[in-house]
Amino acid sequence: MILYRHLSTLLLISLNENRETSRKIAAILFAPILLYLSLKKQLVQLKFSGWVSFLSVSFLALLTITYSILIGNKAYNSTFNQFNSGYKLAIPFFFPSMVCEPSMISVCRKLNNKSKINIVFISLMTSICGIFIYGLVGHCGYIVFGECIKSTIIDELADMNSTLNIYVRNNTFDKYNILSRLSVYSMICVLVCGFPISMVPITDMFMTYFSKGRSRNSVILTLFFSCLILVFIEKLNIKTIKRISGAIFSSSVGLVHPFVFHLNSNLKDKKLRKIFLIICTLSILIISYIICTIFFDIWNNEL
């Protein structure tokens, strides 16, 4: 749902002065494409989508890094505060990058060598790469925008009248903001390709635990149109939803569940059990702290 909503926001903004109308038009236009791709039964059928998504993410990361090196904070003249208290807002967004995507389950099932070492290696590398990309892009983006950014990096790049795009037009070779336009198209590709790649394994999970007697297509249609309804809701606080889901679900999968599994698997080794129990306790405390900061922010904003 979050991917679909971001996609509909990015596309067709320029065709209508009303941003909300444009977003809903984009959602309707992209619905057939996303539904067609989501009806694929195996991830291997989305190999091309995976490569397009990978190349698009790589371009976005390289563009942010390049701007941080060549432009730095010249566009916004904003100071770089390494102890900014606002960092706590980003922590829940980092947790999804530490956790393997649902598609990893399907990938691991297709491995020729399904040894524990192989599966752990692939999962670990996925998490490390996710953290590295999230952290690097976030750090470089902060160098460029500093305290001035009021939305996401891609929103700033999509706005041709933003301070960054005006500076790029006046002071670099990119007189027509071609790179910024390409970044928007790249993000659209990421969202279009990412939606079905997430939908396939999530459908498998629903069929395994909740909808054993139903056909696959009916489950996909139910999930898809549920997402579409949520996309049409005008005043839906996506940022808060992402922060809460990252803090509760992603962090639980990444920090709590693996060690609970090890606790049950190593019943005889008391030292290991103590270590895993301490890690689980610390993880729960971290999650509780993050959730408290989220709700305190919500409370303060409402007041």
C-alpha atoms as a PDB file:
ATOM      1  CA  MET A   1       0.000   0.000   0.000  1.00  0.00           C
ATOM      2  CA  ILE A   2       2.832   2.395   0.885  1.00  0.00           C
ATOM      3  CA  LEU A   3       4.606   1.643  -2.417  1.00  0.00           C
ATOM      4  CA  TYR A   4       1.388   2.146  -4.394  1.00  0.00           C
ATOM      5  CA  ARG A   5       0.618   5.433  -2.642  1.00  0.00           C
ATOM      6  CA  HIS A   6       4.119   6.799  -3.267  1.00  0.00           C
ATOM      7  CA  LEU A   7       3.833   5.820  -6.926  1.00  0.00           C
ATOM      8  CA  SER A   8       0.512   7.584  -7.390  1.00  0.00           C
ATOM      9  CA  THR A   9       1.892  10.704  -5.692  1.00  0.00           C
ATOM     10  CA  LEU A  10       4.936  10.945  -7.940  1.00  0.00           C
ATOM     11  CA  LEU A  11       3.185  10.496 -11.259  1.00  0.00           C
ATOM     12  CA  LEU A  12       0.987  13.006 -13.100  1.00  0.00           C
ATOM     13  CA  ILE A  13       1.544  15.836 -10.598  1.00  0.00           C
ATOM     14  CA  SER A  14       2.267  18.162 -13.496  1.00  0.00           C
ATOM     15  CA  LEU A  15      -0.963  17.346 -15.325  1.00  0.00           C
ATOM     16  CA  ASN A  16      -3.292  18.819 -12.746  1.00  0.00           C
ATOM     17  CA  GLU A  17      -3.011  21.698 -10.299  1.00  0.00           C
ATOM     18  CA  ASN A  18      -4.822  19.590  -7.744  1.00  0.00           C
ATOM     19  CA  ARG A  19      -2.189  17.192  -6.372  1.00  0.00           C
ATOM     20  CA  GLU A  20      -4.781  14.873  -4.845  1.00  0.00           C
ATOM     21  CA  THR A  21      -6.715  14.534  -8.118  1.00  0.00           C
ATOM     22  CA  SER A  22      -3.504  13.756  -9.997  1.00  0.00           C
ATOM     23  CA  ARG A  23      -2.557  11.113  -7.439  1.00  0.00           C
ATOM     24  CA  LYS A  24      -5.891   9.324  -7.821  1.00  0.00           C
ATOM     25  CA  ILE A  25      -5.682   9.461 -11.627  1.00  0.00           C
ATOM     26  CA  ALA A  26      -2.221   7.906 -11.451  1.00  0.00           C
ATOM     27  CA  ALA A  27      -3.474   5.184  -9.106  1.00  0.00           C
ATOM     28  CA  ILE A  28      -6.231   4.225 -11.559  1.00  0.00           C
ATOM     29  CA  LEU A  29      -3.910   4.277 -14.593  1.00  0.00           C
ATOM     30  CA  PHE A  30      -1.315   2.077 -12.930  1.00  0.00           C
ATOM     31  CA  ALA A  31      -3.814  -0.379 -11.434  1.00  0.00           C
ATOM     32  CA  PRO A  32      -3.965  -2.739 -14.493  1.00  0.00           C
ATOM     33  CA  ILE A  33      -0.144  -2.909 -14.777  1.00  0.00           C
ATOM     34  CA  LEU A  34       0.390  -3.564 -11.080  1.00  0.00           C
ATOM     35  CA  LEU A  35      -2.411  -6.122 -10.962  1.00  0.00           C
ATOM     36  CA  TYR A  36      -1.031  -7.976 -14.001  1.00  0.00           C
ATOM     37  CA  LEU A  37       2.452  -8.182 -12.458  1.00  0.00           C
ATOM     38  CA  SER A  38       1.053  -9.146  -9.057  1.00  0.00           C
ATOM     39  CA  LEU A  39      -0.774 -12.130 -10.566  1.00  0.00           C
ATOM     40  CA  LYS A  40       2.574 -13.775 -11.359  1.00  0.00           C
ATOM     41  CA  LYS A  41       2.909 -16.946  -9.316  1.00  0.00           C
ATOM     42  CA  GLN A  42       6.692 -17.032  -8.914  1.00  0.00           C
ATOM     43  CA  LEU A  43       9.383 -14.429  -8.326  1.00  0.00           C
ATOM     44  CA  VAL A  44      11.430 -15.836 -11.195  1.00  0.00           C
ATOM     45  CA  GLN A  45       8.743 -14.458 -13.530  1.00  0.00           C
ATOM     46  CA  LEU A  46       9.615 -10.990 -12.206  1.00  0.00           C
ATOM     47  CA  LYS A  47      13.333 -11.256 -12.947  1.00  0.00           C
ATOM     48  CA  PHE A  48      13.250  -8.307 -15.352  1.00  0.00           C
ATOM     49  CA  SER A  49      11.370  -6.187 -12.800  1.00  0.00           C
ATOM     50  CA  GLY A  50      14.014  -7.024 -10.221  1.00  0.00           C
ATOM     51  CA  TRP A  51      16.856  -5.852 -12.477  1.00  0.00           C
ATOM     52  CA  VAL A  52      15.021  -2.636 -13.379  1.00  0.00           C
ATOM     53  CA  SER A  53      14.437  -1.944  -9.693  1.00  0.00           C
ATOM     54  CA  PHE A  54      18.096  -2.630  -8.844  1.00  0.00           C
ATOM     55  CA  LEU A  55      19.397  -0.314 -11.579  1.00  0.00           C
ATOM     56  CA  SER A  56      16.935   2.428 -10.609  1.00  0.00           C
ATOM     57  CA  VAL A  57      17.922   2.299  -6.931  1.00  0.00           C
ATOM     58  CA  SER A  58      21.605   2.361  -7.923  1.00  0.00           C
ATOM     59  CA  PHE A  59      21.038   5.478 -10.050  1.00  0.00           C
ATOM     60  CA  LEU A  60      19.203   7.268  -7.235  1.00  0.00           C
ATOM     61  CA  ALA A  61      21.942   6.410  -4.746  1.00  0.00           C
ATOM     62  CA  LEU A  62      24.715   7.544  -7.114  1.00  0.00           C
ATOM     63  CA  LEU A  63      22.899  10.812  -7.870  1.00  0.00           C
ATOM     64  CA  THR A  64      22.544  11.635  -4.172  1.00  0.00           C
ATOM     65  CA  ILE A  65      26.204  10.799  -3.526  1.00  0.00           C
ATOM     66  CA  THR A  66      27.310  12.877  -6.542  1.00  0.00           C
ATOM     67  CA  TYR A  67      25.292  15.910  -5.413  1.00  0.00           C
ATOM     68  CA  SER A  68      26.734  15.643  -1.901  1.00  0.00           C
ATOM     69  CA  ILE A  69      30.285  15.688  -3.313  1.00  0.00           C
ATOM     70  CA  LEU A  70      29.891  18.305  -6.071  1.00  0.00           C
ATOM     71  CA  ILE A  71      27.261  20.594  -4.534  1.00  0.00           C
ATOM     72  CA  GLY A  72      27.398  19.883  -0.819  1.00  0.00           C
ATOM     73  CA  ASN A  73      25.398  22.436   1.164  1.00  0.00           C
ATOM     74  CA  LYS A  74      25.876  25.264  -1.356  1.00  0.00           C
ATOM     75  CA  ALA A  75      22.268  25.165  -2.578  1.00  0.00           C
ATOM     76  CA  TYR A  76      20.615  25.498   0.824  1.00  0.00           C
ATOM     77  CA  ASN A  77      23.474  27.007   2.872  1.00  0.00           C
ATOM     78  CA  SER A  78      22.348  24.839   5.748  1.00  0.00           C
ATOM     79  CA  THR A  79      24.582  23.784   8.608  1.00  0.00           C
ATOM     80  CA  PHE A  80      25.387  20.135   9.193  1.00  0.00           C
ATOM     81  CA  ASN A  81      24.477  19.203  12.780  1.00  0.00           C
ATOM     82  CA  GLN A  82      25.787  15.751  13.655  1.00  0.00           C
ATOM     83  CA  PHE A  83      23.855  15.665  16.941  1.00  0.00           C
ATOM     84  CA  ASN A  84      20.459  16.620  15.591  1.00  0.00           C
ATOM     85  CA  SER A  85      17.712  15.255  17.858  1.00  0.00           C
ATOM     86  CA  GLY A  86      15.551  14.700  14.788  1.00  0.00           C
ATOM     87  CA  TYR A  87      17.569  11.570  14.010  1.00  0.00           C
ATOM     88  CA  LYS A  88      15.191   9.607  16.204  1.00  0.00           C
ATOM     89  CA  LEU A  89      12.535  10.087  13.502  1.00  0.00           C
ATOM     90  CA  ALA A  90      14.648   8.093  11.045  1.00  0.00           C
ATOM     91  CA  ILE A  91      15.293   5.067  13.273  1.00  0.00           C
ATOM     92  CA  PRO A  92      11.989   3.244  12.497  1.00  0.00           C
ATOM     93  CA  PHE A  93      12.678   3.728   8.765  1.00  0.00           C
ATOM     94  CA  PHE A  94      16.035   1.986   9.148  1.00  0.00           C
ATOM     95  CA  PHE A  95      14.592  -1.197  10.617  1.00  0.00           C
ATOM     96  CA  PRO A  96      13.020  -2.418   7.346  1.00  0.00           C
ATOM     97  CA  SER A  97      16.474  -2.231   5.741  1.00  0.00           C
ATOM     98  CA  MET A  98      17.859  -4.517   8.465  1.00  0.00           C
ATOM     99  CA  VAL A  99      15.214  -7.161   7.845  1.00  0.00           C
ATOM    100  CA  CYS A 100      15.109  -9.480   4.846  1.00  0.00           C
ATOM    101  CA  GLU A 101      12.209  -8.785   2.530  1.00  0.00           C
ATOM    102  CA  PRO A 102       9.417 -11.420   2.363  1.00  0.00           C
ATOM    103  CA  SER A 103      10.743 -12.307  -1.098  1.00  0.00           C
ATOM    104  CA  MET A 104      13.883 -13.737   0.549  1.00  0.00           C
ATOM    105  CA  ILE A 105      11.834 -16.728   1.721  1.00  0.00           C
ATOM    106  CA  SER A 106      10.988 -17.611  -1.883  1.00  0.00           C
ATOM    107  CA  VAL A 107      14.586 -16.964  -2.959  1.00  0.00           C
ATOM    108  CA  CYS A 108      15.950 -19.307  -0.293  1.00  0.00           C
ATOM    109  CA  ARG A 109      13.551 -22.050  -1.388  1.00  0.00           C
ATOM    110  CA  LYS A 110      14.962 -21.880  -4.923  1.00  0.00           C
ATOM    111  CA  LEU A 111      18.605 -22.250  -3.845  1.00  0.00           C
ATOM    112  CA  ASN A 112      20.415 -25.323  -5.123  1.00  0.00           C
ATOM    113  CA  ASN A 113      22.380 -25.453  -1.879  1.00  0.00           C
ATOM    114  CA  LYS A 114      19.950 -24.867   1.006  1.00  0.00           C
ATOM    115  CA  SER A 115      22.551 -25.151   3.747  1.00  0.00           C
ATOM    116  CA  LYS A 116      22.236 -22.931   6.838  1.00  0.00           C
ATOM    117  CA  ILE A 117      25.495 -21.178   5.961  1.00  0.00           C
ATOM    118  CA  ASN A 118      24.214 -20.316   2.486  1.00  0.00           C
ATOM    119  CA  ILE A 119      20.879 -18.996   3.746  1.00  0.00           C
ATOM    120  CA  VAL A 120      22.473 -17.005   6.591  1.00  0.00           C
ATOM    121  CA  PHE A 121      25.064 -15.545   4.209  1.00  0.00           C
ATOM    122  CA  ILE A 122      22.427 -14.369   1.702  1.00  0.00           C
ATOM    123  CA  SER A 123      20.186 -12.967   4.456  1.00  0.00           C
ATOM    124  CA  LEU A 124      23.109 -11.208   6.147  1.00  0.00           C
ATOM    125  CA  MET A 125      24.370  -9.658   2.913  1.00  0.00           C
ATOM    126  CA  THR A 126      20.847  -8.460   2.092  1.00  0.00           C
ATOM    127  CA  SER A 127      20.566  -6.751   5.477  1.00  0.00           C
ATOM    128  CA  ILE A 128      24.063  -5.230   5.307  1.00  0.00           C
ATOM    129  CA  CYS A 129      23.469  -3.885   1.788  1.00  0.00           C
ATOM    130  CA  GLY A 130      20.117  -2.443   2.873  1.00  0.00           C
ATOM    131  CA  ILE A 131      21.627  -0.682   5.884  1.00  0.00           C
ATOM    132  CA  PHE A 132      24.548   0.599   3.817  1.00  0.00           C
ATOM    133  CA  ILE A 133      22.347   2.038   1.055  1.00  0.00           C
ATOM    134  CA  TYR A 134      19.827   3.576   3.492  1.00  0.00           C
ATOM    135  CA  GLY A 135      22.600   5.065   5.618  1.00  0.00           C
ATOM    136  CA  LEU A 136      24.715   6.363   2.747  1.00  0.00           C
ATOM    137  CA  VAL A 137      21.821   7.963   0.879  1.00  0.00           C
ATOM    138  CA  GLY A 138      20.442   9.459   4.099  1.00  0.00           C
ATOM    139  CA  HIS A 139      23.841  10.842   5.096  1.00  0.00           C
ATOM    140  CA  CYS A 140      24.568  12.302   1.648  1.00  0.00           C
ATOM    141  CA  GLY A 141      21.050  13.717   1.437  1.00  0.00           C
ATOM    142  CA  TYR A 142      21.536  15.445   4.771  1.00  0.00           C
ATOM    143  CA  ILE A 143      24.794  16.983   3.517  1.00  0.00           C
ATOM    144  CA  VAL A 144      22.905  18.495   0.553  1.00  0.00           C
ATOM    145  CA  PHE A 145      19.654  19.556   2.250  1.00  0.00           C
ATOM    146  CA  GLY A 146      20.677  19.965   5.887  1.00  0.00           C
ATOM    147  CA  GLU A 147      17.908  21.278   8.147  1.00  0.00           C
ATOM    148  CA  CYS A 148      15.977  22.822   5.243  1.00  0.00           C
ATOM    149  CA  ILE A 149      14.312  19.732   3.812  1.00  0.00           C
ATOM    150  CA  LYS A 150      10.601  19.538   4.626  1.00  0.00           C
ATOM    151  CA  SER A 151       9.739  16.399   2.647  1.00  0.00           C
ATOM    152  CA  THR A 152      11.538  13.450   1.041  1.00  0.00           C
ATOM    153  CA  ILE A 153      14.587  13.782  -1.205  1.00  0.00           C
ATOM    154  CA  ILE A 154      12.626  12.535  -4.213  1.00  0.00           C
ATOM    155  CA  ASP A 155       9.943  15.209  -3.626  1.00  0.00           C
ATOM    156  CA  GLU A 156      12.641  17.890  -3.756  1.00  0.00           C
ATOM    157  CA  LEU A 157      14.015  16.435  -6.988  1.00  0.00           C
ATOM    158  CA  ALA A 158      10.526  16.169  -8.502  1.00  0.00           C
ATOM    159  CA  ASP A 159       9.805  19.858  -7.858  1.00  0.00           C
ATOM    160  CA  MET A 160      11.525  21.726 -10.710  1.00  0.00           C
ATOM    161  CA  ASN A 161      11.213  24.966  -8.727  1.00  0.00           C
ATOM    162  CA  SER A 162      12.904  23.609  -5.608  1.00  0.00           C
ATOM    163  CA  THR A 163      16.025  25.376  -4.327  1.00  0.00           C
ATOM    164  CA  LEU A 164      18.205  22.433  -5.367  1.00  0.00           C
ATOM    165  CA  ASN A 165      16.919  22.267  -8.948  1.00  0.00           C
ATOM    166  CA  ILE A 166      17.253  26.033  -9.388  1.00  0.00           C
ATOM    167  CA  TYR A 167      20.852  25.859  -8.136  1.00  0.00           C
ATOM    168  CA  VAL A 168      21.620  22.927 -10.459  1.00  0.00           C
ATOM    169  CA  ARG A 169      20.198  24.810 -13.473  1.00  0.00           C
ATOM    170  CA  ASN A 170      22.216  27.934 -12.734  1.00  0.00           C
ATOM    171  CA  ASN A 171      25.520  26.443 -11.636  1.00  0.00           C
ATOM    172  CA  THR A 172      26.033  23.078 -13.356  1.00  0.00           C
ATOM    173  CA  PHE A 173      25.986  21.540 -16.819  1.00  0.00           C
ATOM    174  CA  ASP A 174      22.467  20.183 -16.200  1.00  0.00           C
ATOM    175  CA  LYS A 175      20.601  23.267 -17.447  1.00  0.00           C
ATOM    176  CA  TYR A 176      17.298  21.417 -17.882  1.00  0.00           C
ATOM    177  CA  ASN A 177      17.353  19.322 -14.702  1.00  0.00           C
ATOM    178  CA  ILE A 178      17.577  16.143 -16.749  1.00  0.00           C
ATOM    179  CA  LEU A 179      19.140  14.213 -13.864  1.00  0.00           C
ATOM    180  CA  SER A 180      16.340  15.264 -11.523  1.00  0.00           C
ATOM    181  CA  ARG A 181      13.727  14.170 -14.046  1.00  0.00           C
ATOM    182  CA  LEU A 182      15.519  10.848 -14.511  1.00  0.00           C
ATOM    183  CA  SER A 183      15.551  10.370 -10.748  1.00  0.00           C
ATOM    184  CA  VAL A 184      11.759  10.735 -10.650  1.00  0.00           C
ATOM    185  CA  TYR A 185      11.347   8.186 -13.454  1.00  0.00           C
ATOM    186  CA  SER A 186      13.783   5.889 -11.641  1.00  0.00           C
ATOM    187  CA  MET A 187      11.736   6.130  -8.468  1.00  0.00           C
ATOM    188  CA  ILE A 188       8.578   5.339 -10.425  1.00  0.00           C
ATOM    189  CA  CYS A 189      10.339   2.233 -11.804  1.00  0.00           C
ATOM    190  CA  VAL A 190      11.368   1.208  -8.286  1.00  0.00           C
ATOM    191  CA  LEU A 191       7.798   1.517  -7.023  1.00  0.00           C
ATOM    192  CA  VAL A 192       6.211  -0.206 -10.041  1.00  0.00           C
ATOM    193  CA  CYS A 193       8.675  -3.110  -9.819  1.00  0.00           C
ATOM    194  CA  GLY A 194       8.710  -3.253  -6.023  1.00  0.00           C
ATOM    195  CA  PHE A 195       4.948  -3.629  -5.614  1.00  0.00           C
ATOM    196  CA  PRO A 196       4.555  -7.015  -7.396  1.00  0.00           C
ATOM    197  CA  ILE A 197       7.871  -8.315  -5.987  1.00  0.00           C
ATOM    198  CA  SER A 198       6.427  -7.743  -2.511  1.00  0.00           C
ATOM    199  CA  MET A 199       2.951  -8.955  -3.446  1.00  0.00           C
ATOM    200  CA  VAL A 200       4.011 -12.455  -4.592  1.00  0.00           C
ATOM    201  CA  PRO A 201       5.549 -13.659  -1.281  1.00  0.00           C
ATOM    202  CA  ILE A 202       2.943 -11.822   0.819  1.00  0.00           C
ATOM    203  CA  THR A 203       0.212 -13.678  -1.081  1.00  0.00           C
ATOM    204  CA  ASP A 204       2.002 -16.955  -0.327  1.00  0.00           C
ATOM    205  CA  MET A 205       1.990 -16.076   3.381  1.00  0.00           C
ATOM    206  CA  PHE A 206      -1.708 -15.215   3.368  1.00  0.00           C
ATOM    207  CA  MET A 207      -2.539 -18.482   1.604  1.00  0.00           C
ATOM    208  CA  THR A 208      -0.463 -20.455   4.107  1.00  0.00           C
ATOM    209  CA  TYR A 209      -1.825 -18.934   7.315  1.00  0.00           C
ATOM    210  CA  PHE A 210      -5.139 -17.194   6.614  1.00  0.00           C
ATOM    211  CA  SER A 211      -6.690 -18.289   3.306  1.00  0.00           C
ATOM    212  CA  LYS A 212      -5.859 -21.953   2.814  1.00  0.00           C
ATOM    213  CA  GLY A 213      -9.080 -22.795   0.989  1.00  0.00           C
ATOM    214  CA  ARG A 214      -9.137 -19.844  -1.414  1.00  0.00           C
ATOM    215  CA  SER A 215      -7.609 -19.547  -4.865  1.00  0.00           C
ATOM    216  CA  ARG A 216      -4.428 -17.540  -5.305  1.00  0.00           C
ATOM    217  CA  ASN A 217      -6.031 -15.022  -7.682  1.00  0.00           C
ATOM    218  CA  SER A 218      -8.858 -14.241  -5.261  1.00  0.00           C
ATOM    219  CA  VAL A 219      -6.336 -13.550  -2.468  1.00  0.00           C
ATOM    220  CA  ILE A 220      -4.309 -11.257  -4.756  1.00  0.00           C
ATOM    221  CA  LEU A 221      -7.439  -9.387  -5.858  1.00  0.00           C
ATOM    222  CA  THR A 222      -8.526  -8.907  -2.237  1.00  0.00           C
ATOM    223  CA  LEU A 223      -5.105  -7.582  -1.204  1.00  0.00           C
ATOM    224  CA  PHE A 224      -4.771  -5.408  -4.289  1.00  0.00           C
ATOM    225  CA  PHE A 225      -8.142  -3.688  -3.999  1.00  0.00           C
ATOM    226  CA  SER A 226      -7.588  -3.203  -0.268  1.00  0.00           C
ATOM    227  CA  CYS A 227      -4.411  -1.314  -1.179  1.00  0.00           C
ATOM    228  CA  LEU A 228      -6.288   0.669  -3.822  1.00  0.00           C
ATOM    229  CA  ILE A 229      -8.923   1.766  -1.299  1.00  0.00           C
ATOM    230  CA  LEU A 230      -6.201   2.931   1.100  1.00  0.00           C
ATOM    231  CA  VAL A 231      -4.489   4.806  -1.744  1.00  0.00           C
ATOM    232  CA  PHE A 232      -7.698   6.760  -2.393  1.00  0.00           C
ATOM    233  CA  ILE A 233      -7.924   7.976   1.214  1.00  0.00           C
ATOM    234  CA  GLU A 234      -6.867  11.609   1.080  1.00  0.00           C
ATOM    235  CA  LYS A 235      -5.802  12.310   4.661  1.00  0.00           C
ATOM    236  CA  LEU A 236      -3.847   9.180   5.494  1.00  0.00           C
ATOM    237  CA  ASN A 237      -0.693   9.721   7.551  1.00  0.00           C
ATOM    238  CA  ILE A 238       1.709   7.427   5.678  1.00  0.00           C
ATOM    239  CA  LYS A 239       4.757   8.670   7.585  1.00  0.00           C
ATOM    240  CA  THR A 240       3.264   7.620  10.921  1.00  0.00           C
ATOM    241  CA  ILE A 241       2.173   4.263   9.509  1.00  0.00           C
ATOM    242  CA  LYS A 242       5.700   3.579   8.221  1.00  0.00           C
ATOM    243  CA  ARG A 243       7.275   4.590  11.513  1.00  0.00           C
ATOM    244  CA  ILE A 244       4.952   2.380  13.569  1.00  0.00           C
ATOM    245  CA  SER A 245       5.253  -0.625  11.231  1.00  0.00           C
ATOM    246  CA  GLY A 246       9.029  -0.237  11.143  1.00  0.00           C
ATOM    247  CA  ALA A 247       9.243   0.011  14.925  1.00  0.00           C
ATOM    248  CA  ILE A 248       6.882  -2.868  15.693  1.00  0.00           C
ATOM    249  CA  PHE A 249       6.912  -5.391  12.855  1.00  0.00           C
ATOM    250  CA  SER A 250      10.258  -4.978  11.106  1.00  0.00           C
ATOM    251  CA  SER A 251      12.215  -4.549  14.328  1.00  0.00           C
ATOM    252  CA  SER A 252      10.487  -7.575  15.865  1.00  0.00           C
ATOM    253  CA  VAL A 253      11.411  -9.719  12.879  1.00  0.00           C
ATOM    254  CA  GLY A 254      14.979  -8.410  12.853  1.00  0.00           C
ATOM    255  CA  LEU A 255      15.761  -8.244  16.573  1.00  0.00           C
ATOM    256  CA  VAL A 256      13.363 -10.373  18.621  1.00  0.00           C
ATOM    257  CA  HIS A 257      12.146 -13.365  16.602  1.00  0.00           C
ATOM    258  CA  PRO A 258      15.600 -14.763  15.616  1.00  0.00           C
ATOM    259  CA  PHE A 259      16.788 -14.807  19.227  1.00  0.00           C
ATOM    260  CA  VAL A 260      13.515 -16.289  20.487  1.00  0.00           C
ATOM    261  CA  PHE A 261      14.075 -19.061  17.936  1.00  0.00           C
ATOM    262  CA  HIS A 262      17.636 -19.578  19.224  1.00  0.00           C
ATOM    263  CA  LEU A 263      16.358 -19.662  22.804  1.00  0.00           C
ATOM    264  CA  ASN A 264      14.077 -22.554  21.909  1.00  0.00           C
ATOM    265  CA  SER A 265      16.750 -24.308  19.836  1.00  0.00           C
ATOM    266  CA  ASN A 266      19.549 -24.183  22.431  1.00  0.00           C
ATOM    267  CA  LEU A 267      17.788 -25.558  25.478  1.00  0.00           C
ATOM    268  CA  LYS A 268      20.884 -27.240  26.946  1.00  0.00           C
ATOM    269  CA  ASP A 269      23.445 -24.455  26.580  1.00  0.00           C
ATOM    270  CA  LYS A 270      22.704 -22.159  29.538  1.00  0.00           C
ATOM    271  CA  LYS A 271      25.330 -19.532  28.616  1.00  0.00           C
ATOM    272  CA  LEU A 272      23.914 -19.080  25.132  1.00  0.00           C
ATOM    273  CA  ARG A 273      20.396 -18.934  26.526  1.00  0.00           C
ATOM    274  CA  LYS A 274      21.409 -16.114  28.888  1.00  0.00           C
ATOM    275  CA  ILE A 275      23.039 -14.171  26.041  1.00  0.00           C
ATOM    276  CA  PHE A 276      19.984 -14.592  23.790  1.00  0.00           C
ATOM    277  CA  LEU A 277      17.665 -13.654  26.659  1.00  0.00           C
ATOM    278  CA  ILE A 278      19.651 -10.453  27.326  1.00  0.00           C
ATOM    279  CA  ILE A 279      19.579  -9.552  23.607  1.00  0.00           C
ATOM    280  CA  CYS A 280      15.810 -10.162  23.451  1.00  0.00           C
ATOM    281  CA  THR A 281      15.254  -7.983  26.528  1.00  0.00           C
ATOM    282  CA  LEU A 282      17.392  -5.145  25.139  1.00  0.00           C
ATOM    283  CA  SER A 283      15.625  -5.423  21.770  1.00  0.00           C
ATOM    284  CA  ILE A 284      12.207  -5.150  23.404  1.00  0.00           C
ATOM    285  CA  LEU A 285      13.376  -2.104  25.384  1.00  0.00           C
ATOM    286  CA  ILE A 286      14.678  -0.458  22.186  1.00  0.00           C
ATOM    287  CA  ILE A 287      11.402  -1.141  20.385  1.00  0.00           C
ATOM    288  CA  SER A 288       9.410   0.211  23.353  1.00  0.00           C
ATOM    289  CA  TYR A 289      11.504   3.390  23.412  1.00  0.00           C
ATOM    290  CA  ILE A 290      11.019   3.983  19.670  1.00  0.00           C
ATOM    291  CA  ILE A 291       7.262   3.434  19.934  1.00  0.00           C
ATOM    292  CA  CYS A 292       7.090   5.875  22.861  1.00  0.00           C
ATOM    293  CA  THR A 293       8.931   8.573  20.871  1.00  0.00           C
ATOM    294  CA  ILE A 294       6.516   8.072  17.961  1.00  0.00           C
ATOM    295  CA  PHE A 295       3.417   8.462  20.136  1.00  0.00           C
ATOM    296  CA  PHE A 296       4.908  11.421  22.012  1.00  0.00           C
ATOM    297  CA  ASP A 297       5.496  13.142  18.654  1.00  0.00           C
ATOM    298  CA  ILE A 298       1.934  12.382  17.566  1.00  0.00           C
ATOM    299  CA  TRP A 299       0.594  13.721  20.883  1.00  0.00           C
ATOM    300  CA  ASN A 300       2.672  16.910  20.703  1.00  0.00           C
ATOM    301  CA  ASN A 301       1.700  17.579  17.077  1.00  0.00           C
ATOM    302  CA  GLU A 302      -1.985  17.176  17.866  1.00  0.00           C
ATOM    303  CA  LEU A 303      -1.662  19.586  20.757  1.00  0.00           C
END
